[in-house]
Amino acid sequence: MDRKQEILRAIVKHFVQTAEPVGSNTILVSYKFQVSPATIRNDMAILEKEGLIYQPHTSSGRVPTDQGYRMYVDEIADYKKAKKHALSVIKKIRQQYKADQIREHIYDAVALLAHATENVSFATLPDNERTFYIGLANVLKQPEFQTNSIQASQVVEILENNDNFRTLLDNLDINDSVKIFIGKENIIEQIQSCALIVTKYERDGFTGYLGILGPTRMAYPFNKAIIEEVKSLFEERTSL
């Protein structure tokens, strides 16, 4: 590829990205041509004479003509590099799309858990470190917390401090089965008035935690069964 074609490629690339006419100084600085500004201007004048670029306004830069685009498409464009980039972009978009879909289903799963167990239900979200939870009012209306405002505020504080709660989950022995942690087994002192029933989920390569948090006075067998069923529905992509 000769220098004039490289300049045309630079003009096309810059104009496609910015929709702004391209001047010789921009070409020289942005695309690191090892020639003088006068050489760039001379080559642009030749490209303009050949009908490959034109000047839309006085004292403005140049933009490609249809003929310039045609030469770029037929002779200059690097389709191999473009395909590699396109595949990378598609992969990233598909991954994000799957993560968004999973996030929506997680919201449904957490809402179902909160409604069925009448406790705080939660799940960690794919692609980030956030924990989503619903049903805080379910816990705060329990007699244990209505009569002990300190314990109630401690539970709220832990849930609202995402890092502390995520650290708790990461430090517990949680696997694919549903595990029950009661009182002091929860490690973090602020929620030792609670029980935690939690499991790990896996879907489309994404993993996270799914569970409930409530007072130690809870229906353990029922809540464990509920989590097992919701997890199964979620992982099997069954409508919740």
C-alpha atoms as a PDB file:
ATOM      1  CA  MET A   1       0.000   0.000   0.000  1.00  0.00           C
ATOM      2  CA  ASP A   2       1.512   3.348  -1.004  1.00  0.00           C
ATOM      3  CA  ARG A   3       1.457   6.441   1.169  1.00  0.00           C
ATOM      4  CA  LYS A   4      -1.508   8.079  -0.574  1.00  0.00           C
ATOM      5  CA  GLN A   5      -3.611   4.977   0.103  1.00  0.00           C
ATOM      6  CA  GLU A   6      -2.497   5.038   3.741  1.00  0.00           C
ATOM      7  CA  ILE A   7      -3.569   8.682   3.940  1.00  0.00           C
ATOM      8  CA  LEU A   8      -6.911   7.856   2.350  1.00  0.00           C
ATOM      9  CA  ARG A   9      -7.373   5.031   4.847  1.00  0.00           C
ATOM     10  CA  ALA A  10      -6.601   7.442   7.696  1.00  0.00           C
ATOM     11  CA  ILE A  11      -9.094   9.997   6.350  1.00  0.00           C
ATOM     12  CA  VAL A  12     -11.820   7.370   6.007  1.00  0.00           C
ATOM     13  CA  LYS A  13     -11.148   5.953   9.485  1.00  0.00           C
ATOM     14  CA  HIS A  14     -11.129   9.381  11.133  1.00  0.00           C
ATOM     15  CA  PHE A  15     -14.219  10.609   9.338  1.00  0.00           C
ATOM     16  CA  VAL A  16     -16.157   7.421  10.120  1.00  0.00           C
ATOM     17  CA  GLN A  17     -15.306   7.830  13.820  1.00  0.00           C
ATOM     18  CA  THR A  18     -15.874  11.578  14.147  1.00  0.00           C
ATOM     19  CA  ALA A  19     -18.055  12.761  11.235  1.00  0.00           C
ATOM     20  CA  GLU A  20     -15.656  15.744  11.074  1.00  0.00           C
ATOM     21  CA  PRO A  21     -13.519  16.798   8.065  1.00  0.00           C
ATOM     22  CA  VAL A  22      -9.909  15.704   8.485  1.00  0.00           C
ATOM     23  CA  GLY A  23      -6.989  18.121   8.214  1.00  0.00           C
ATOM     24  CA  SER A  24      -3.389  17.359   7.335  1.00  0.00           C
ATOM     25  CA  ASN A  25      -2.144  18.067  10.875  1.00  0.00           C
ATOM     26  CA  THR A  26      -4.639  15.579  12.320  1.00  0.00           C
ATOM     27  CA  ILE A  27      -3.484  12.955   9.837  1.00  0.00           C
ATOM     28  CA  LEU A  28       0.155  13.621  10.631  1.00  0.00           C
ATOM     29  CA  VAL A  29      -0.190  13.578  14.433  1.00  0.00           C
ATOM     30  CA  SER A  30      -2.905  10.954  14.937  1.00  0.00           C
ATOM     31  CA  TYR A  31      -1.625   8.409  12.453  1.00  0.00           C
ATOM     32  CA  LYS A  32       2.121   9.018  12.954  1.00  0.00           C
ATOM     33  CA  PHE A  33       3.243   9.472   9.368  1.00  0.00           C
ATOM     34  CA  GLN A  34       7.014   9.915   9.207  1.00  0.00           C
ATOM     35  CA  VAL A  35       6.894  12.694   6.627  1.00  0.00           C
ATOM     36  CA  SER A  36       6.581  16.473   6.639  1.00  0.00           C
ATOM     37  CA  PRO A  37       3.235  18.317   6.841  1.00  0.00           C
ATOM     38  CA  ALA A  38       3.880  19.629   3.339  1.00  0.00           C
ATOM     39  CA  THR A  39       4.118  16.056   2.014  1.00  0.00           C
ATOM     40  CA  ILE A  40       0.794  15.160   3.630  1.00  0.00           C
ATOM     41  CA  ARG A  41      -0.845  18.254   2.133  1.00  0.00           C
ATOM     42  CA  ASN A  42       0.579  17.419  -1.291  1.00  0.00           C
ATOM     43  CA  ASP A  43      -0.697  13.842  -1.145  1.00  0.00           C
ATOM     44  CA  MET A  44      -4.123  15.066  -0.035  1.00  0.00           C
ATOM     45  CA  ALA A  45      -4.174  17.467  -2.980  1.00  0.00           C
ATOM     46  CA  ILE A  46      -3.504  14.545  -5.320  1.00  0.00           C
ATOM     47  CA  LEU A  47      -6.258  12.474  -3.686  1.00  0.00           C
ATOM     48  CA  GLU A  48      -8.623  15.394  -4.120  1.00  0.00           C
ATOM     49  CA  LYS A  49      -7.660  15.796  -7.787  1.00  0.00           C
ATOM     50  CA  GLU A  50      -8.328  12.083  -8.302  1.00  0.00           C
ATOM     51  CA  GLY A  51     -11.836  12.533  -6.870  1.00  0.00           C
ATOM     52  CA  LEU A  52     -11.201  10.408  -3.777  1.00  0.00           C
ATOM     53  CA  ILE A  53     -11.631  13.165  -1.174  1.00  0.00           C
ATOM     54  CA  TYR A  54     -13.130  16.647  -1.204  1.00  0.00           C
ATOM     55  CA  GLN A  55     -13.268  19.813   0.861  1.00  0.00           C
ATOM     56  CA  PRO A  56     -16.849  20.432   2.076  1.00  0.00           C
ATOM     57  CA  HIS A  57     -16.114  23.973   3.295  1.00  0.00           C
ATOM     58  CA  THR A  58     -13.451  26.595   2.746  1.00  0.00           C
ATOM     59  CA  SER A  59     -10.529  26.215   5.157  1.00  0.00           C
ATOM     60  CA  SER A  60     -11.869  22.875   6.412  1.00  0.00           C
ATOM     61  CA  GLY A  61     -10.352  19.443   6.238  1.00  0.00           C
ATOM     62  CA  ARG A  62     -11.218  16.752   3.723  1.00  0.00           C
ATOM     63  CA  VAL A  63     -13.804  13.973   3.692  1.00  0.00           C
ATOM     64  CA  PRO A  64     -14.028  10.868   1.497  1.00  0.00           C
ATOM     65  CA  THR A  65     -16.103  10.884  -1.689  1.00  0.00           C
ATOM     66  CA  ASP A  66     -18.150   7.867  -2.778  1.00  0.00           C
ATOM     67  CA  GLN A  67     -15.271   6.999  -5.079  1.00  0.00           C
ATOM     68  CA  GLY A  68     -12.911   7.257  -2.101  1.00  0.00           C
ATOM     69  CA  TYR A  69     -15.069   4.889  -0.097  1.00  0.00           C
ATOM     70  CA  ARG A  70     -15.130   2.526  -3.089  1.00  0.00           C
ATOM     71  CA  MET A  71     -11.333   2.430  -3.281  1.00  0.00           C
ATOM     72  CA  TYR A  72     -11.186   1.913   0.471  1.00  0.00           C
ATOM     73  CA  VAL A  73     -13.676  -0.964   0.327  1.00  0.00           C
ATOM     74  CA  ASP A  74     -12.090  -2.657  -2.698  1.00  0.00           C
ATOM     75  CA  GLU A  75      -8.382  -2.122  -2.165  1.00  0.00           C
ATOM     76  CA  ILE A  76      -7.463  -0.758   1.267  1.00  0.00           C
ATOM     77  CA  ALA A  77      -9.701  -2.102   4.042  1.00  0.00           C
ATOM     78  CA  ASP A  78      -8.218  -4.803   6.295  1.00  0.00           C
ATOM     79  CA  TYR A  79     -11.079  -7.299   6.401  1.00  0.00           C
ATOM     80  CA  LYS A  80      -9.134  -9.893   8.368  1.00  0.00           C
ATOM     81  CA  LYS A  81      -8.462  -7.425  11.174  1.00  0.00           C
ATOM     82  CA  ALA A  82     -12.036  -6.126  11.005  1.00  0.00           C
ATOM     83  CA  LYS A  83     -13.463  -9.645  11.302  1.00  0.00           C
ATOM     84  CA  LYS A  84     -11.331 -10.354  14.351  1.00  0.00           C
ATOM     85  CA  HIS A  85     -12.570  -7.138  15.942  1.00  0.00           C
ATOM     86  CA  ALA A  86     -16.184  -7.891  14.977  1.00  0.00           C
ATOM     87  CA  LEU A  87     -16.025 -11.354  16.552  1.00  0.00           C
ATOM     88  CA  SER A  88     -14.589  -9.840  19.731  1.00  0.00           C
ATOM     89  CA  VAL A  89     -17.378  -7.254  19.887  1.00  0.00           C
ATOM     90  CA  ILE A  90     -20.089  -9.863  19.261  1.00  0.00           C
ATOM     91  CA  LYS A  91     -18.651 -12.100  21.969  1.00  0.00           C
ATOM     92  CA  LYS A  92     -18.636  -9.227  24.456  1.00  0.00           C
ATOM     93  CA  ILE A  93     -22.194  -8.175  23.581  1.00  0.00           C
ATOM     94  CA  ARG A  94     -23.491 -11.751  23.815  1.00  0.00           C
ATOM     95  CA  GLN A  95     -21.807 -12.175  27.204  1.00  0.00           C
ATOM     96  CA  GLN A  96     -23.380  -8.954  28.450  1.00  0.00           C
ATOM     97  CA  TYR A  97     -26.755  -9.957  27.001  1.00  0.00           C
ATOM     98  CA  LYS A  98     -26.607 -13.301  28.806  1.00  0.00           C
ATOM     99  CA  ALA A  99     -25.601 -11.556  32.025  1.00  0.00           C
ATOM    100  CA  ASP A 100     -28.543  -9.157  31.672  1.00  0.00           C
ATOM    101  CA  GLN A 101     -30.935 -12.066  31.082  1.00  0.00           C
ATOM    102  CA  ILE A 102     -29.602 -13.942  34.100  1.00  0.00           C
ATOM    103  CA  ARG A 103     -29.874 -10.793  36.207  1.00  0.00           C
ATOM    104  CA  GLU A 104     -33.570 -10.484  35.325  1.00  0.00           C
ATOM    105  CA  HIS A 105     -34.182 -14.117  36.293  1.00  0.00           C
ATOM    106  CA  ILE A 106     -32.265 -13.590  39.535  1.00  0.00           C
ATOM    107  CA  TYR A 107     -34.592 -10.727  40.405  1.00  0.00           C
ATOM    108  CA  ASP A 108     -37.531 -13.077  39.870  1.00  0.00           C
ATOM    109  CA  ALA A 109     -35.918 -15.837  41.959  1.00  0.00           C
ATOM    110  CA  VAL A 110     -35.164 -13.483  44.851  1.00  0.00           C
ATOM    111  CA  ALA A 111     -38.683 -12.053  44.780  1.00  0.00           C
ATOM    112  CA  LEU A 112     -40.124 -15.571  44.837  1.00  0.00           C
ATOM    113  CA  LEU A 113     -37.938 -16.557  47.794  1.00  0.00           C
ATOM    114  CA  ALA A 114     -38.911 -13.471  49.775  1.00  0.00           C
ATOM    115  CA  HIS A 115     -42.596 -14.060  49.165  1.00  0.00           C
ATOM    116  CA  ALA A 116     -42.459 -17.785  49.984  1.00  0.00           C
ATOM    117  CA  THR A 117     -40.245 -17.647  53.074  1.00  0.00           C
ATOM    118  CA  GLU A 118     -41.175 -14.233  54.487  1.00  0.00           C
ATOM    119  CA  ASN A 119     -37.500 -13.519  55.157  1.00  0.00           C
ATOM    120  CA  VAL A 120     -34.850 -11.404  53.468  1.00  0.00           C
ATOM    121  CA  SER A 121     -33.882 -13.145  50.250  1.00  0.00           C
ATOM    122  CA  PHE A 122     -30.737 -12.320  48.300  1.00  0.00           C
ATOM    123  CA  ALA A 123     -28.497 -13.260  45.403  1.00  0.00           C
ATOM    124  CA  THR A 124     -25.189 -12.018  44.083  1.00  0.00           C
ATOM    125  CA  LEU A 125     -25.407 -10.644  40.559  1.00  0.00           C
ATOM    126  CA  PRO A 126     -23.362 -11.817  37.570  1.00  0.00           C
ATOM    127  CA  ASP A 127     -20.576  -9.617  36.222  1.00  0.00           C
ATOM    128  CA  ASN A 128     -20.176  -7.562  39.374  1.00  0.00           C
ATOM    129  CA  GLU A 129     -19.757  -7.812  43.123  1.00  0.00           C
ATOM    130  CA  ARG A 130     -23.186  -6.485  44.064  1.00  0.00           C
ATOM    131  CA  THR A 131     -25.712  -8.358  46.191  1.00  0.00           C
ATOM    132  CA  PHE A 132     -29.391  -7.896  45.395  1.00  0.00           C
ATOM    133  CA  TYR A 133     -31.890  -8.437  48.210  1.00  0.00           C
ATOM    134  CA  ILE A 134     -35.631  -8.123  48.825  1.00  0.00           C
ATOM    135  CA  GLY A 135     -37.768  -8.437  51.931  1.00  0.00           C
ATOM    136  CA  LEU A 136     -36.002  -6.459  54.614  1.00  0.00           C
ATOM    137  CA  ALA A 137     -39.422  -5.517  55.996  1.00  0.00           C
ATOM    138  CA  ASN A 138     -40.146  -9.239  56.415  1.00  0.00           C
ATOM    139  CA  VAL A 139     -37.364  -9.488  58.996  1.00  0.00           C
ATOM    140  CA  LEU A 140     -37.960  -6.167  60.719  1.00  0.00           C
ATOM    141  CA  LYS A 141     -41.572  -7.049  61.474  1.00  0.00           C
ATOM    142  CA  GLN A 142     -40.558 -10.249  63.275  1.00  0.00           C
ATOM    143  CA  PRO A 143     -41.080 -10.037  67.088  1.00  0.00           C
ATOM    144  CA  GLU A 144     -37.381 -10.613  67.777  1.00  0.00           C
ATOM    145  CA  PHE A 145     -36.398  -7.460  65.978  1.00  0.00           C
ATOM    146  CA  GLN A 146     -39.381  -5.342  66.941  1.00  0.00           C
ATOM    147  CA  THR A 147     -38.353  -5.709  70.575  1.00  0.00           C
ATOM    148  CA  ASN A 148     -34.614  -5.314  69.923  1.00  0.00           C
ATOM    149  CA  SER A 149     -33.912  -2.282  67.779  1.00  0.00           C
ATOM    150  CA  ILE A 150     -30.132  -2.747  68.064  1.00  0.00           C
ATOM    151  CA  GLN A 151     -30.241  -6.190  66.487  1.00  0.00           C
ATOM    152  CA  ALA A 152     -32.583  -4.896  63.810  1.00  0.00           C
ATOM    153  CA  SER A 153     -30.266  -2.000  62.924  1.00  0.00           C
ATOM    154  CA  GLN A 154     -27.278  -4.362  62.805  1.00  0.00           C
ATOM    155  CA  VAL A 155     -29.035  -6.553  60.253  1.00  0.00           C
ATOM    156  CA  VAL A 156     -29.900  -3.507  58.146  1.00  0.00           C
ATOM    157  CA  GLU A 157     -26.320  -2.249  58.365  1.00  0.00           C
ATOM    158  CA  ILE A 158     -24.850  -5.539  57.154  1.00  0.00           C
ATOM    159  CA  LEU A 159     -27.249  -5.826  54.228  1.00  0.00           C
ATOM    160  CA  GLU A 160     -26.665  -2.235  53.169  1.00  0.00           C
ATOM    161  CA  ASN A 161     -22.885  -2.641  53.409  1.00  0.00           C
ATOM    162  CA  ASN A 162     -22.424  -4.853  50.366  1.00  0.00           C
ATOM    163  CA  ASP A 163     -18.721  -5.500  50.987  1.00  0.00           C
ATOM    164  CA  ASN A 164     -19.271  -6.863  54.505  1.00  0.00           C
ATOM    165  CA  PHE A 165     -22.095  -9.141  53.467  1.00  0.00           C
ATOM    166  CA  ARG A 166     -20.214 -10.419  50.414  1.00  0.00           C
ATOM    167  CA  THR A 167     -17.158 -11.058  52.611  1.00  0.00           C
ATOM    168  CA  LEU A 168     -19.343 -13.091  54.959  1.00  0.00           C
ATOM    169  CA  LEU A 169     -20.575 -15.231  52.090  1.00  0.00           C
ATOM    170  CA  ASP A 170     -17.097 -15.721  50.642  1.00  0.00           C
ATOM    171  CA  ASN A 171     -15.742 -16.848  54.021  1.00  0.00           C
ATOM    172  CA  LEU A 172     -18.453 -19.404  54.728  1.00  0.00           C
ATOM    173  CA  ASP A 173     -18.291 -22.983  53.478  1.00  0.00           C
ATOM    174  CA  ILE A 174     -20.934 -22.636  50.750  1.00  0.00           C
ATOM    175  CA  ASN A 175     -21.244 -25.040  47.845  1.00  0.00           C
ATOM    176  CA  ASP A 176     -23.862 -26.391  45.420  1.00  0.00           C
ATOM    177  CA  SER A 177     -25.917 -27.892  48.223  1.00  0.00           C
ATOM    178  CA  VAL A 178     -28.125 -25.755  50.448  1.00  0.00           C
ATOM    179  CA  LYS A 179     -26.274 -24.963  53.684  1.00  0.00           C
ATOM    180  CA  ILE A 180     -27.734 -23.679  56.964  1.00  0.00           C
ATOM    181  CA  PHE A 181     -25.757 -21.375  59.294  1.00  0.00           C
ATOM    182  CA  ILE A 182     -27.319 -20.627  62.672  1.00  0.00           C
ATOM    183  CA  GLY A 183     -26.446 -17.794  65.050  1.00  0.00           C
ATOM    184  CA  LYS A 184     -22.727 -17.640  65.792  1.00  0.00           C
ATOM    185  CA  GLU A 185     -21.981 -19.868  62.792  1.00  0.00           C
ATOM    186  CA  ASN A 186     -22.514 -16.723  60.698  1.00  0.00           C
ATOM    187  CA  ILE A 187     -19.063 -15.361  61.669  1.00  0.00           C
ATOM    188  CA  ILE A 188     -20.067 -11.689  61.507  1.00  0.00           C
ATOM    189  CA  GLU A 189     -21.191 -10.635  64.964  1.00  0.00           C
ATOM    190  CA  GLN A 190     -23.884  -8.205  63.766  1.00  0.00           C
ATOM    191  CA  ILE A 191     -26.023 -10.989  62.310  1.00  0.00           C
ATOM    192  CA  GLN A 192     -25.464 -13.670  64.930  1.00  0.00           C
ATOM    193  CA  SER A 193     -29.085 -13.134  65.902  1.00  0.00           C
ATOM    194  CA  CYS A 194     -29.992 -14.588  62.508  1.00  0.00           C
ATOM    195  CA  ALA A 195     -29.926 -17.782  60.523  1.00  0.00           C
ATOM    196  CA  LEU A 196     -28.604 -17.910  56.968  1.00  0.00           C
ATOM    197  CA  ILE A 197     -29.715 -20.519  54.433  1.00  0.00           C
ATOM    198  CA  VAL A 198     -27.670 -20.269  51.253  1.00  0.00           C
ATOM    199  CA  THR A 199     -26.373 -22.134  48.227  1.00  0.00           C
ATOM    200  CA  LYS A 200     -24.317 -21.481  45.114  1.00  0.00           C
ATOM    201  CA  TYR A 201     -26.005 -21.226  41.716  1.00  0.00           C
ATOM    202  CA  GLU A 202     -24.516 -21.781  38.269  1.00  0.00           C
ATOM    203  CA  ARG A 203     -26.046 -20.762  34.968  1.00  0.00           C
ATOM    204  CA  ASP A 204     -24.489 -20.170  31.556  1.00  0.00           C
ATOM    205  CA  GLY A 205     -21.021 -19.950  33.085  1.00  0.00           C
ATOM    206  CA  PHE A 206     -22.072 -17.439  35.743  1.00  0.00           C
ATOM    207  CA  THR A 207     -21.929 -18.361  39.420  1.00  0.00           C
ATOM    208  CA  GLY A 208     -23.133 -16.685  42.593  1.00  0.00           C
ATOM    209  CA  TYR A 209     -24.937 -17.083  45.898  1.00  0.00           C
ATOM    210  CA  LEU A 210     -28.671 -17.478  46.468  1.00  0.00           C
ATOM    211  CA  GLY A 211     -30.313 -17.609  49.860  1.00  0.00           C
ATOM    212  CA  ILE A 212     -32.312 -16.111  52.698  1.00  0.00           C
ATOM    213  CA  LEU A 213     -31.537 -14.371  55.991  1.00  0.00           C
ATOM    214  CA  GLY A 214     -33.931 -14.296  58.927  1.00  0.00           C
ATOM    215  CA  PRO A 215     -34.295 -14.813  62.672  1.00  0.00           C
ATOM    216  CA  THR A 216     -33.025 -18.066  64.139  1.00  0.00           C
ATOM    217  CA  ARG A 217     -36.676 -18.838  64.858  1.00  0.00           C
ATOM    218  CA  MET A 218     -37.554 -19.969  61.351  1.00  0.00           C
ATOM    219  CA  ALA A 219     -39.018 -22.955  59.501  1.00  0.00           C
ATOM    220  CA  TYR A 220     -35.698 -24.534  58.536  1.00  0.00           C
ATOM    221  CA  PRO A 221     -36.895 -27.622  56.601  1.00  0.00           C
ATOM    222  CA  PHE A 222     -39.499 -25.612  54.673  1.00  0.00           C
ATOM    223  CA  ASN A 223     -37.104 -22.772  53.835  1.00  0.00           C
ATOM    224  CA  LYS A 224     -34.371 -25.195  52.767  1.00  0.00           C
ATOM    225  CA  ALA A 225     -36.825 -26.952  50.461  1.00  0.00           C
ATOM    226  CA  ILE A 226     -37.973 -23.625  48.995  1.00  0.00           C
ATOM    227  CA  ILE A 227     -34.401 -22.594  48.176  1.00  0.00           C
ATOM    228  CA  GLU A 228     -33.667 -25.976  46.624  1.00  0.00           C
ATOM    229  CA  GLU A 229     -36.709 -25.675  44.383  1.00  0.00           C
ATOM    230  CA  VAL A 230     -36.099 -22.064  43.349  1.00  0.00           C
ATOM    231  CA  LYS A 231     -32.460 -22.844  42.579  1.00  0.00           C
ATOM    232  CA  SER A 232     -33.519 -25.837  40.484  1.00  0.00           C
ATOM    233  CA  LEU A 233     -36.020 -23.745  38.531  1.00  0.00           C
ATOM    234  CA  PHE A 234     -33.462 -20.991  38.002  1.00  0.00           C
ATOM    235  CA  GLU A 235     -30.667 -23.270  36.824  1.00  0.00           C
ATOM    236  CA  GLU A 236     -32.977 -25.264  34.549  1.00  0.00           C
ATOM    237  CA  ARG A 237     -34.269 -22.006  32.983  1.00  0.00           C
ATOM    238  CA  THR A 238     -37.807 -22.886  33.999  1.00  0.00           C
ATOM    239  CA  SER A 239     -40.126 -19.927  34.194  1.00  0.00           C
ATOM    240  CA  LEU A 240     -40.361 -18.644  37.735  1.00  0.00           C
END
